[in-house]
Amino acid sequence: MTVRKRLWVDPRLCEGHALCLESAPEVFDLSDDDVAECVKQPTADMWDQVSAAIDACPRGAISLIDDPKGQPVP
């Protein structure tokens, strides 16, 4: 069975450091409130960048959550 996940940024934890944008600029952007948000679910070839973005977040605000309609995770 394939594990399917979706990226999620917790707006209560994000402080807008934007390190995720440096790692995966196609996936993340800052909202008008300077909180990171996922603007595109990653494709298979973006997982290394997304993993780096998750690791770079100083507040641990980015996570992969279970989603049966989400992307397959390697």
Protein backbone atom coordinates (compact mmCIF):
# COMPACT_ATOMS: atom_id res chain seq x y z
CA MET A 1 0.00 0.00 0.00
CA THR A 2 1.27 3.45 -0.93
CA VAL A 3 1.52 6.00 1.86
CA ARG A 4 -0.07 9.30 0.83
CA LYS A 5 0.66 12.55 2.59
CA ARG A 6 0.00 16.25 2.28
CA LEU A 7 2.23 19.11 3.41
CA TRP A 8 0.86 21.37 6.09
CA VAL A 9 2.25 24.50 7.73
CA ASP A 10 0.90 25.19 11.22
CA PRO A 11 0.18 28.95 11.23
CA ARG A 12 0.29 28.97 15.04
CA LEU A 13 3.93 27.83 15.00
CA CYS A 14 5.29 29.60 11.92
CA GLU A 15 7.18 32.80 12.70
CA GLY A 16 7.89 33.72 9.07
CA HIS A 17 11.63 32.95 9.01
CA ALA A 18 11.11 31.85 5.36
CA LEU A 19 13.83 29.20 5.44
CA CYS A 20 11.38 26.86 3.74
CA LEU A 21 11.24 29.26 0.79
CA GLU A 22 15.00 28.99 0.41
CA SER A 23 14.81 25.19 0.27
CA ALA A 24 11.63 24.75 -1.77
CA PRO A 25 10.54 28.04 -3.39
CA GLU A 26 8.09 26.31 -5.73
CA VAL A 27 6.21 24.79 -2.80
CA PHE A 28 6.15 27.53 -0.15
CA ASP A 29 5.35 31.23 -0.05
CA LEU A 30 4.64 33.80 2.65
CA SER A 31 1.10 34.97 3.24
CA ASP A 32 0.16 38.61 3.72
CA ASP A 33 0.64 37.96 7.45
CA ASP A 34 4.23 36.76 6.86
CA VAL A 35 3.33 33.16 7.67
CA ALA A 36 4.59 30.38 5.41
CA GLU A 37 1.99 28.49 3.45
CA CYS A 38 2.10 25.56 1.10
CA VAL A 39 1.10 26.89 -2.32
CA LYS A 40 1.76 23.68 -4.24
CA GLN A 41 1.88 20.07 -3.20
CA PRO A 42 5.28 18.66 -4.16
CA THR A 43 5.83 16.30 -7.04
CA ALA A 44 8.01 13.22 -6.60
CA ASP A 45 11.13 15.04 -7.78
CA MET A 46 10.70 17.76 -5.12
CA TRP A 47 10.84 15.54 -2.01
CA ASP A 48 14.53 16.25 -1.31
CA GLN A 49 13.82 19.99 -1.30
CA VAL A 50 10.72 19.53 0.85
CA SER A 51 12.64 17.39 3.32
CA ALA A 52 15.28 20.12 3.57
CA ALA A 53 12.54 22.71 4.17
CA ILE A 54 11.00 20.63 6.95
CA ASP A 55 14.42 20.22 8.59
CA ALA A 56 15.24 23.93 8.21
CA CYS A 57 12.14 25.21 10.02
CA PRO A 58 13.31 26.39 13.45
CA ARG A 59 9.79 26.08 14.90
CA GLY A 60 8.90 22.69 13.40
CA ALA A 61 5.86 24.26 11.77
CA ILE A 62 5.97 22.14 8.60
CA SER A 63 4.72 18.59 8.67
CA LEU A 64 3.44 15.81 6.46
CA ILE A 65 -0.04 14.71 7.42
CA ASP A 66 -1.97 11.64 6.31
CA ASP A 67 -4.21 12.33 3.34
CA PRO A 68 -5.66 9.50 1.23
CA LYS A 69 -5.89 11.91 -1.71
CA GLY A 70 -2.38 13.31 -1.15
CA GLN A 71 0.87 12.62 -2.92
CA PRO A 72 2.68 9.28 -2.62
CA VAL A 73 5.67 9.65 -0.32
CA PRO A 74 8.85 7.74 -1.16
